[in-house]
C-alpha atoms as a PDB file:
ATOM      1  CA  UNK A   1      -0.108   0.191   0.381  1.00  0.00           C
ATOM      2  CA  UNK A   2       1.027   3.102  -0.576  1.00  0.00           C
ATOM      3  CA  UNK A   3       3.089   4.967   2.507  1.00  0.00           C
ATOM      4  CA  UNK A   4       0.838   8.551   4.119  1.00  0.00           C
ATOM      5  CA  UNK A   5       3.596  10.907   3.935  1.00  0.00           C
ATOM      6  CA  UNK A   6       5.141  12.846   6.862  1.00  0.00           C
ATOM      7  CA  UNK A   7       3.648  16.275   7.722  1.00  0.00           C
ATOM      8  CA  UNK A   8       5.617  19.401   6.042  1.00  0.00           C
ATOM      9  CA  UNK A   9       7.338  21.375   9.047  1.00  0.00           C
ATOM     10  CA  UNK A  10       7.046  24.886   9.096  1.00  0.00           C
ATOM     11  CA  UNK A  11       9.952  27.372   9.038  1.00  0.00           C
ATOM     12  CA  UNK A  12      10.392  30.647  10.721  1.00  0.00           C
ATOM     13  CA  UNK A  13      12.915  33.343   9.427  1.00  0.00           C
ATOM     14  CA  UNK A  14      13.841  36.525  10.571  1.00  0.00           C
ATOM     15  CA  UNK A  15      13.580  34.752  14.196  1.00  0.00           C
ATOM     16  CA  UNK A  16      16.597  37.369  15.953  1.00  0.00           C
ATOM     17  CA  UNK A  17      15.061  40.737  14.360  1.00  0.00           C
ATOM     18  CA  UNK A  18      11.423  40.144  14.879  1.00  0.00           C
ATOM     19  CA  UNK A  19      12.530  39.412  18.338  1.00  0.00           C
ATOM     20  CA  UNK A  20      14.109  42.430  19.229  1.00  0.00           C
ATOM     21  CA  UNK A  21      12.206  44.017  17.554  1.00  0.00           C
ATOM     22  CA  UNK A  22       8.877  43.038  19.323  1.00  0.00           C
ATOM     23  CA  UNK A  23       9.996  42.846  22.889  1.00  0.00           C
ATOM     24  CA  UNK A  24      12.716  45.370  23.494  1.00  0.00           C
ATOM     25  CA  UNK A  25      13.157  47.169  26.631  1.00  0.00           C
ATOM     26  CA  UNK A  26      10.095  49.897  26.267  1.00  0.00           C
ATOM     27  CA  UNK A  27       7.189  47.067  26.851  1.00  0.00           C
ATOM     28  CA  UNK A  28       6.019  46.316  29.916  1.00  0.00           C
ATOM     29  CA  UNK A  29       7.306  43.281  31.792  1.00  0.00           C
ATOM     30  CA  UNK A  30       3.931  41.276  31.423  1.00  0.00           C
ATOM     31  CA  UNK A  31       4.600  41.057  27.694  1.00  0.00           C
ATOM     32  CA  UNK A  32       8.250  40.180  27.866  1.00  0.00           C
ATOM     33  CA  UNK A  33       6.886  36.743  29.956  1.00  0.00           C
ATOM     34  CA  UNK A  34       4.686  36.184  27.273  1.00  0.00           C
ATOM     35  CA  UNK A  35       7.760  36.497  24.958  1.00  0.00           C
ATOM     36  CA  UNK A  36       9.872  34.184  26.621  1.00  0.00           C
ATOM     37  CA  UNK A  37       7.124  31.383  26.179  1.00  0.00           C
ATOM     38  CA  UNK A  38       5.895  32.546  22.767  1.00  0.00           C
ATOM     39  CA  UNK A  39       9.649  32.241  20.889  1.00  0.00           C
ATOM     40  CA  UNK A  40      10.624  28.894  22.619  1.00  0.00           C
ATOM     41  CA  UNK A  41       7.167  26.832  21.038  1.00  0.00           C
ATOM     42  CA  UNK A  42       6.964  28.749  17.769  1.00  0.00           C
ATOM     43  CA  UNK A  43      10.256  29.619  16.330  1.00  0.00           C
ATOM     44  CA  UNK A  44      12.105  26.717  15.273  1.00  0.00           C
ATOM     45  CA  UNK A  45      15.418  26.873  13.419  1.00  0.00           C
ATOM     46  CA  UNK A  46      15.707  25.454   9.769  1.00  0.00           C
ATOM     47  CA  UNK A  47      15.533  21.318   9.380  1.00  0.00           C
ATOM     48  CA  UNK A  48      18.281  19.172   9.651  1.00  0.00           C
ATOM     49  CA  UNK A  49      19.600  21.119  12.563  1.00  0.00           C
ATOM     50  CA  UNK A  50      21.411  18.422  14.501  1.00  0.00           C
ATOM     51  CA  UNK A  51      23.307  18.498  17.868  1.00  0.00           C
ATOM     52  CA  UNK A  52      27.039  17.936  16.718  1.00  0.00           C
ATOM     53  CA  UNK A  53      27.705  15.010  19.252  1.00  0.00           C
ATOM     54  CA  UNK A  54      25.562  12.901  16.869  1.00  0.00           C
ATOM     55  CA  UNK A  55      22.271  12.565  17.955  1.00  0.00           C
ATOM     56  CA  UNK A  56      21.692   9.809  15.278  1.00  0.00           C
ATOM     57  CA  UNK A  57      18.887   9.156  12.906  1.00  0.00           C
ATOM     58  CA  UNK A  58      15.413  10.649  13.885  1.00  0.00           C
ATOM     59  CA  UNK A  59      13.958   7.128  15.036  1.00  0.00           C
ATOM     60  CA  UNK A  60      17.225   6.089  17.459  1.00  0.00           C
ATOM     61  CA  UNK A  61      17.704  10.068  18.594  1.00  0.00           C
ATOM     62  CA  UNK A  62      16.815  11.443  22.186  1.00  0.00           C
ATOM     63  CA  UNK A  63      13.931  12.888  22.257  1.00  0.00           C
ATOM     64  CA  UNK A  64      14.312  17.225  22.150  1.00  0.00           C
ATOM     65  CA  UNK A  65      13.274  17.888  25.789  1.00  0.00           C
ATOM     66  CA  UNK A  66      15.538  15.044  27.230  1.00  0.00           C
ATOM     67  CA  UNK A  67      18.587  15.880  25.304  1.00  0.00           C
ATOM     68  CA  UNK A  68      17.787  19.777  26.497  1.00  0.00           C
ATOM     69  CA  UNK A  69      17.359  18.928  29.547  1.00  0.00           C
ATOM     70  CA  UNK A  70      20.837  16.639  30.199  1.00  0.00           C
ATOM     71  CA  UNK A  71      22.764  19.867  28.792  1.00  0.00           C
ATOM     72  CA  UNK A  72      21.175  21.830  31.325  1.00  0.00           C
ATOM     73  CA  UNK A  73      18.627  24.084  28.967  1.00  0.00           C
ATOM     74  CA  UNK A  74      16.123  24.473  31.853  1.00  0.00           C
ATOM     75  CA  UNK A  75      18.123  25.339  34.789  1.00  0.00           C
ATOM     76  CA  UNK A  76      16.902  28.271  36.709  1.00  0.00           C
ATOM     77  CA  UNK A  77      20.106  29.993  37.761  1.00  0.00           C
ATOM     78  CA  UNK A  78      22.847  28.634  35.390  1.00  0.00           C
ATOM     79  CA  UNK A  79      23.375  28.951  31.716  1.00  0.00           C
ATOM     80  CA  UNK A  80      24.064  26.125  29.408  1.00  0.00           C
ATOM     81  CA  UNK A  81      27.296  26.103  27.480  1.00  0.00           C
ATOM     82  CA  UNK A  82      25.755  24.982  24.071  1.00  0.00           C
ATOM     83  CA  UNK A  83      22.183  25.605  22.143  1.00  0.00           C
ATOM     84  CA  UNK A  84      22.777  23.203  19.585  1.00  0.00           C
ATOM     85  CA  UNK A  85      20.961  20.403  21.664  1.00  0.00           C
ATOM     86  CA  UNK A  86      17.592  22.064  20.450  1.00  0.00           C
ATOM     87  CA  UNK A  87      16.004  24.271  17.935  1.00  0.00           C
ATOM     88  CA  UNK A  88      14.579  26.250  20.469  1.00  0.00           C
ATOM     89  CA  UNK A  89      13.682  25.702  24.209  1.00  0.00           C
ATOM     90  CA  UNK A  90      11.281  27.088  26.827  1.00  0.00           C
ATOM     91  CA  UNK A  91      10.642  27.366  31.111  1.00  0.00           C
ATOM     92  CA  UNK A  92       8.151  28.206  32.926  1.00  0.00           C
ATOM     93  CA  UNK A  93       8.516  27.880  36.816  1.00  0.00           C
ATOM     94  CA  UNK A  94       6.942  29.309  40.115  1.00  0.00           C
ATOM     95  CA  UNK A  95       7.698  28.897  43.458  1.00  0.00           C
ATOM     96  CA  UNK A  96       7.962  30.090  47.187  1.00  0.00           C
ATOM     97  CA  UNK A  97      11.394  31.854  48.646  1.00  0.00           C
ATOM     98  CA  UNK A  98      11.125  31.539  52.692  1.00  0.00           C
ATOM     99  CA  UNK A  99      14.223  34.249  52.840  1.00  0.00           C
ATOM    100  CA  UNK A 100      12.480  36.590  51.283  1.00  0.00           C
ATOM    101  CA  UNK A 101       9.087  35.820  52.848  1.00  0.00           C
ATOM    102  CA  UNK A 102       7.506  36.182  49.305  1.00  0.00           C
ATOM    103  CA  UNK A 103       6.947  34.490  45.830  1.00  0.00           C
ATOM    104  CA  UNK A 104       9.320  33.595  42.830  1.00  0.00           C
ATOM    105  CA  UNK A 105       8.702  33.748  39.048  1.00  0.00           C
ATOM    106  CA  UNK A 106      11.528  32.997  36.650  1.00  0.00           C
ATOM    107  CA  UNK A 107      10.905  31.913  33.062  1.00  0.00           C
ATOM    108  CA  UNK A 108      12.924  31.448  29.718  1.00  0.00           C
ATOM    109  CA  UNK A 109      13.483  30.816  26.430  1.00  0.00           C
ATOM    110  CA  UNK A 110      16.207  29.955  23.648  1.00  0.00           C
ATOM    111  CA  UNK A 111      15.965  29.979  20.250  1.00  0.00           C
ATOM    112  CA  UNK A 112      19.609  28.677  17.485  1.00  0.00           C
ATOM    113  CA  UNK A 113      19.482  31.646  14.934  1.00  0.00           C
ATOM    114  CA  UNK A 114      22.386  29.739  13.306  1.00  0.00           C
ATOM    115  CA  UNK A 115      24.580  26.799  14.220  1.00  0.00           C
ATOM    116  CA  UNK A 116      26.633  28.741  16.539  1.00  0.00           C
ATOM    117  CA  UNK A 117      24.664  31.671  17.315  1.00  0.00           C
ATOM    118  CA  UNK A 118      20.914  31.826  19.771  1.00  0.00           C
ATOM    119  CA  UNK A 119      19.034  34.213  20.823  1.00  0.00           C
ATOM    120  CA  UNK A 120      17.855  34.411  24.658  1.00  0.00           C
ATOM    121  CA  UNK A 121      14.934  35.908  26.703  1.00  0.00           C
ATOM    122  CA  UNK A 122      14.613  35.775  30.416  1.00  0.00           C
ATOM    123  CA  UNK A 123      11.795  37.317  32.765  1.00  0.00           C
ATOM    124  CA  UNK A 124      11.497  37.017  36.829  1.00  0.00           C
ATOM    125  CA  UNK A 125      10.443  37.889  40.040  1.00  0.00           C
ATOM    126  CA  UNK A 126      11.266  37.197  43.091  1.00  0.00           C
ATOM    127  CA  UNK A 127      10.462  38.888  47.202  1.00  0.00           C
ATOM    128  CA  UNK A 128      13.148  41.344  47.129  1.00  0.00           C
ATOM    129  CA  UNK A 129      11.748  43.003  43.649  1.00  0.00           C
ATOM    130  CA  UNK A 130       8.360  44.030  42.404  1.00  0.00           C
ATOM    131  CA  UNK A 131       7.221  42.934  39.084  1.00  0.00           C
ATOM    132  CA  UNK A 132       9.050  41.363  36.504  1.00  0.00           C
ATOM    133  CA  UNK A 133      12.967  41.919  35.079  1.00  0.00           C
ATOM    134  CA  UNK A 134      12.908  41.525  31.938  1.00  0.00           C
ATOM    135  CA  UNK A 135      16.603  40.344  30.188  1.00  0.00           C
ATOM    136  CA  UNK A 136      17.801  40.075  26.577  1.00  0.00           C
ATOM    137  CA  UNK A 137      21.158  38.502  25.039  1.00  0.00           C
ATOM    138  CA  UNK A 138      22.362  37.133  21.951  1.00  0.00           C
ATOM    139  CA  UNK A 139      24.674  34.215  22.987  1.00  0.00           C
ATOM    140  CA  UNK A 140      27.484  32.699  20.545  1.00  0.00           C
ATOM    141  CA  UNK A 141      28.918  28.592  21.286  1.00  0.00           C
ATOM    142  CA  UNK A 142      32.906  30.005  21.128  1.00  0.00           C
ATOM    143  CA  UNK A 143      34.153  26.340  21.709  1.00  0.00           C
ATOM    144  CA  UNK A 144      32.627  22.686  21.149  1.00  0.00           C
ATOM    145  CA  UNK A 145      33.345  19.745  23.703  1.00  0.00           C
ATOM    146  CA  UNK A 146      33.903  17.203  20.274  1.00  0.00           C
ATOM    147  CA  UNK A 147      36.763  19.112  18.720  1.00  0.00           C
ATOM    148  CA  UNK A 148      37.976  21.464  21.828  1.00  0.00           C
ATOM    149  CA  UNK A 149      37.644  19.254  24.525  1.00  0.00           C
ATOM    150  CA  UNK A 150      34.767  21.642  26.483  1.00  0.00           C
ATOM    151  CA  UNK A 151      32.395  23.467  25.770  1.00  0.00           C
ATOM    152  CA  UNK A 152      31.901  27.670  25.348  1.00  0.00           C
ATOM    153  CA  UNK A 153      29.582  30.443  25.248  1.00  0.00           C
ATOM    154  CA  UNK A 154      28.876  33.648  26.111  1.00  0.00           C
ATOM    155  CA  UNK A 155      25.906  35.369  26.401  1.00  0.00           C
ATOM    156  CA  UNK A 156      25.269  39.226  26.538  1.00  0.00           C
ATOM    157  CA  UNK A 157      22.774  41.652  26.768  1.00  0.00           C
ATOM    158  CA  UNK A 158      20.196  44.309  28.434  1.00  0.00           C
ATOM    159  CA  UNK A 159      18.319  43.797  31.895  1.00  0.00           C
ATOM    160  CA  UNK A 160      15.497  45.905  32.908  1.00  0.00           C
ATOM    161  CA  UNK A 161      15.891  45.470  35.907  1.00  0.00           C
ATOM    162  CA  UNK A 162      19.109  43.714  37.520  1.00  0.00           C
ATOM    163  CA  UNK A 163      20.400  42.368  40.880  1.00  0.00           C
ATOM    164  CA  UNK A 164      21.144  45.943  41.936  1.00  0.00           C
ATOM    165  CA  UNK A 165      17.227  46.986  41.311  1.00  0.00           C
ATOM    166  CA  UNK A 166      18.507  49.326  37.737  1.00  0.00           C
ATOM    167  CA  UNK A 167      18.312  48.695  34.265  1.00  0.00           C
ATOM    168  CA  UNK A 168      22.205  47.233  33.290  1.00  0.00           C
ATOM    169  CA  UNK A 169      24.320  45.662  30.511  1.00  0.00           C
ATOM    170  CA  UNK A 170      24.895  41.987  31.737  1.00  0.00           C
ATOM    171  CA  UNK A 171      27.426  39.016  30.021  1.00  0.00           C
ATOM    172  CA  UNK A 172      27.999  35.872  31.389  1.00  0.00           C
ATOM    173  CA  UNK A 173      30.616  32.635  30.575  1.00  0.00           C
ATOM    174  CA  UNK A 174      29.360  29.072  30.405  1.00  0.00           C
ATOM    175  CA  UNK A 175      31.772  26.511  30.457  1.00  0.00           C
ATOM    176  CA  UNK A 176      30.244  23.190  30.413  1.00  0.00           C
ATOM    177  CA  UNK A 177      31.929  19.147  30.114  1.00  0.00           C
ATOM    178  CA  UNK A 178      30.021  16.204  29.506  1.00  0.00           C
ATOM    179  CA  UNK A 179      31.614  13.444  30.984  1.00  0.00           C
ATOM    180  CA  UNK A 180      28.862  10.205  30.159  1.00  0.00           C
ATOM    181  CA  UNK A 181      25.936  10.484  31.478  1.00  0.00           C
ATOM    182  CA  UNK A 182      26.927  13.546  33.373  1.00  0.00           C
ATOM    183  CA  UNK A 183      26.899  17.317  32.337  1.00  0.00           C
ATOM    184  CA  UNK A 184      29.149  20.019  34.579  1.00  0.00           C
ATOM    185  CA  UNK A 185      28.008  23.941  34.100  1.00  0.00           C
ATOM    186  CA  UNK A 186      30.035  26.666  35.506  1.00  0.00           C
ATOM    187  CA  UNK A 187      28.932  30.191  35.210  1.00  0.00           C
ATOM    188  CA  UNK A 188      31.043  33.282  35.252  1.00  0.00           C
ATOM    189  CA  UNK A 189      28.910  37.074  34.574  1.00  0.00           C
ATOM    190  CA  UNK A 190      29.368  40.963  35.350  1.00  0.00           C
ATOM    191  CA  UNK A 191      26.715  43.631  35.238  1.00  0.00           C
ATOM    192  CA  UNK A 192      27.040  47.020  35.014  1.00  0.00           C
ATOM    193  CA  UNK A 193      23.997  49.387  35.696  1.00  0.00           C
ATOM    194  CA  UNK A 194      23.427  52.022  33.702  1.00  0.00           C
ATOM    195  CA  UNK A 195      21.987  54.208  36.525  1.00  0.00           C
ATOM    196  CA  UNK A 196      24.205  55.143  39.836  1.00  0.00           C
ATOM    197  CA  UNK A 197      27.186  53.262  38.792  1.00  0.00           C
ATOM    198  CA  UNK A 198      25.673  49.872  40.073  1.00  0.00           C
ATOM    199  CA  UNK A 199      27.457  47.061  39.237  1.00  0.00           C
ATOM    200  CA  UNK A 200      27.362  43.168  40.390  1.00  0.00           C
ATOM    201  CA  UNK A 201      29.277  39.932  39.949  1.00  0.00           C
ATOM    202  CA  UNK A 202      27.606  36.616  39.543  1.00  0.00           C
ATOM    203  CA  UNK A 203      28.672  32.649  39.615  1.00  0.00           C
ATOM    204  CA  UNK A 204      27.156  29.666  39.164  1.00  0.00           C
ATOM    205  CA  UNK A 205      27.721  25.631  39.319  1.00  0.00           C
ATOM    206  CA  UNK A 206      25.403  22.982  38.247  1.00  0.00           C
ATOM    207  CA  UNK A 207      25.499  19.171  37.112  1.00  0.00           C
ATOM    208  CA  UNK A 208      23.066  17.374  35.640  1.00  0.00           C
ATOM    209  CA  UNK A 209      23.488  13.268  35.889  1.00  0.00           C
ATOM    210  CA  UNK A 210      20.795  11.456  33.668  1.00  0.00           C
ATOM    211  CA  UNK A 211      19.387   8.206  35.761  1.00  0.00           C
ATOM    212  CA  UNK A 212      17.296   7.151  33.096  1.00  0.00           C
ATOM    213  CA  UNK A 213      15.815   8.208  29.596  1.00  0.00           C
ATOM    214  CA  UNK A 214      13.356  10.507  31.189  1.00  0.00           C
ATOM    215  CA  UNK A 215      14.445  11.192  34.742  1.00  0.00           C
ATOM    216  CA  UNK A 216      17.492  13.682  35.114  1.00  0.00           C
ATOM    217  CA  UNK A 217      18.938  14.430  38.764  1.00  0.00           C
ATOM    218  CA  UNK A 218      21.220  17.535  39.540  1.00  0.00           C
ATOM    219  CA  UNK A 219      22.215  20.138  41.854  1.00  0.00           C
ATOM    220  CA  UNK A 220      21.823  23.981  40.734  1.00  0.00           C
ATOM    221  CA  UNK A 221      23.437  26.941  42.460  1.00  0.00           C
ATOM    222  CA  UNK A 222      23.906  30.924  41.969  1.00  0.00           C
ATOM    223  CA  UNK A 223      25.669  33.323  43.619  1.00  0.00           C
ATOM    224  CA  UNK A 224      25.431  37.361  43.239  1.00  0.00           C
ATOM    225  CA  UNK A 225      27.132  40.085  44.957  1.00  0.00           C
ATOM    226  CA  UNK A 226      26.582  43.573  45.055  1.00  0.00           C
ATOM    227  CA  UNK A 227      30.225  45.097  43.791  1.00  0.00           C
ATOM    228  CA  UNK A 228      29.391  48.742  43.870  1.00  0.00           C
ATOM    229  CA  UNK A 229      29.879  50.411  47.482  1.00  0.00           C
ATOM    230  CA  UNK A 230      28.074  53.455  49.008  1.00  0.00           C
ATOM    231  CA  UNK A 231      25.659  54.431  51.044  1.00  0.00           C
ATOM    232  CA  UNK A 232      22.958  55.944  48.413  1.00  0.00           C
ATOM    233  CA  UNK A 233      21.366  52.541  47.807  1.00  0.00           C
ATOM    234  CA  UNK A 234      17.913  51.395  46.164  1.00  0.00           C
ATOM    235  CA  UNK A 235      15.474  50.448  48.300  1.00  0.00           C
ATOM    236  CA  UNK A 236      15.950  46.714  48.985  1.00  0.00           C
ATOM    237  CA  UNK A 237      19.269  46.286  47.237  1.00  0.00           C
ATOM    238  CA  UNK A 238      20.567  43.447  48.610  1.00  0.00           C
ATOM    239  CA  UNK A 239      24.478  42.855  49.130  1.00  0.00           C
ATOM    240  CA  UNK A 240      24.326  39.448  48.226  1.00  0.00           C
ATOM    241  CA  UNK A 241      22.341  36.472  47.349  1.00  0.00           C
ATOM    242  CA  UNK A 242      23.070  32.960  47.342  1.00  0.00           C
ATOM    243  CA  UNK A 243      20.365  30.411  45.727  1.00  0.00           C
ATOM    244  CA  UNK A 244      21.473  26.078  45.753  1.00  0.00           C
ATOM    245  CA  UNK A 245      19.782  23.255  45.727  1.00  0.00           C
ATOM    246  CA  UNK A 246      19.034  19.675  44.123  1.00  0.00           C
ATOM    247  CA  UNK A 247      16.409  19.823  40.591  1.00  0.00           C
ATOM    248  CA  UNK A 248      14.352  16.729  38.934  1.00  0.00           C
ATOM    249  CA  UNK A 249      13.389  16.837  35.271  1.00  0.00           C
ATOM    250  CA  UNK A 250      10.930  14.672  33.983  1.00  0.00           C
ATOM    251  CA  UNK A 251      10.824  14.394  30.246  1.00  0.00           C
ATOM    252  CA  UNK A 252       8.044  12.943  27.649  1.00  0.00           C
ATOM    253  CA  UNK A 253       8.977  13.896  24.556  1.00  0.00           C
ATOM    254  CA  UNK A 254       9.427  17.184  23.706  1.00  0.00           C
ATOM    255  CA  UNK A 255       7.761  18.547  26.940  1.00  0.00           C
ATOM    256  CA  UNK A 256       9.154  18.252  30.293  1.00  0.00           C
ATOM    257  CA  UNK A 257       8.198  18.598  34.196  1.00  0.00           C
ATOM    258  CA  UNK A 258      11.157  20.575  36.539  1.00  0.00           C
ATOM    259  CA  UNK A 259      11.073  21.101  40.574  1.00  0.00           C
ATOM    260  CA  UNK A 260      13.799  21.798  42.687  1.00  0.00           C
ATOM    261  CA  UNK A 261      14.497  22.921  46.083  1.00  0.00           C
ATOM    262  CA  UNK A 262      17.382  23.903  48.515  1.00  0.00           C
ATOM    263  CA  UNK A 263      18.767  27.267  50.372  1.00  0.00           C
ATOM    264  CA  UNK A 264      18.475  30.522  50.090  1.00  0.00           C
ATOM    265  CA  UNK A 265      20.083  33.469  51.837  1.00  0.00           C
ATOM    266  CA  UNK A 266      20.701  37.091  51.223  1.00  0.00           C
ATOM    267  CA  UNK A 267      21.794  40.277  53.008  1.00  0.00           C
ATOM    268  CA  UNK A 268      20.260  43.712  52.030  1.00  0.00           C
ATOM    269  CA  UNK A 269      22.317  46.489  51.983  1.00  0.00           C
ATOM    270  CA  UNK A 270      22.417  49.208  54.865  1.00  0.00           C
ATOM    271  CA  UNK A 271      20.612  46.416  57.222  1.00  0.00           C
ATOM    272  CA  UNK A 272      22.246  43.696  59.710  1.00  0.00           C
ATOM    273  CA  UNK A 273      21.614  40.231  59.733  1.00  0.00           C
ATOM    274  CA  UNK A 274      21.359  37.560  57.120  1.00  0.00           C
ATOM    275  CA  UNK A 275      18.260  36.385  55.806  1.00  0.00           C
ATOM    276  CA  UNK A 276      18.031  32.357  55.522  1.00  0.00           C
ATOM    277  CA  UNK A 277      15.521  30.074  54.295  1.00  0.00           C
ATOM    278  CA  UNK A 278      13.706  27.895  52.128  1.00  0.00           C
ATOM    279  CA  UNK A 279      13.221  28.011  48.225  1.00  0.00           C
ATOM    280  CA  UNK A 280      11.262  25.422  46.275  1.00  0.00           C
ATOM    281  CA  UNK A 281       9.631  25.670  42.746  1.00  0.00           C
ATOM    282  CA  UNK A 282       7.909  23.581  40.103  1.00  0.00           C
ATOM    283  CA  UNK A 283       7.422  24.274  36.118  1.00  0.00           C
ATOM    284  CA  UNK A 284       6.929  23.016  32.610  1.00  0.00           C
ATOM    285  CA  UNK A 285       9.819  23.264  30.236  1.00  0.00           C
ATOM    286  CA  UNK A 286       9.801  22.315  26.434  1.00  0.00           C
ATOM    287  CA  UNK A 287      11.942  21.606  23.565  1.00  0.00           C
ATOM    288  CA  UNK A 288      12.143  21.055  19.805  1.00  0.00           C
END
């Protein structure tokens, strides 16, 4: 009997230009959160894009969400060191931070524009900040483990409200190494505020272990430190903040269930004492 042809895939061009024109820093933060989701679902790269590590044929390759989760693409606190494990990925998580005594929200999306170039958008909120903070950036995969022994990526762009509670220009270096079923990630970052000479540094470590075909277990962490020291500080500015704890991701095809918990510690500027508590979150992810 004649076989039934597979449905044709739809392709979307000029993703990067449309994205930055539509969701620039002049739009409202709620639109930013929606942008982060829509990008990941609606903007695949050209057909035939494939993981350089050799995902194999379509019938034998891991599902898109599994590849993305194993590389750290669904992490709340660290940036993955390569973007070719999927054409596009998105995540949304919500939780509670007892150190800050309030709810948390994180969302993000990444779209592969070319072989080593990607566009990223994130939107987040925490008890220390009112409303959503938007970050728009480009990302370059500079090194690949297959030829250089490690994965290395650079991401840089604009934050509508950085760690110092003011708009900033920020950059991150992400280093990764795959050791069989274990993926290791390290981040270091710097941001310069566009107001009041504010600036901060950041660092993160993560490990993801593929426990089974659909289950990834890991540890994620992020440290951010205010690098500008004077007596004129934005209200509620944190001197430093540490988030760290175990994570779990369960994937099914192109979708993922994300969860995490751990330690949350921060110290506010011009206020004595530490705020120590727990943080927990749940969410959904998708990769295509």
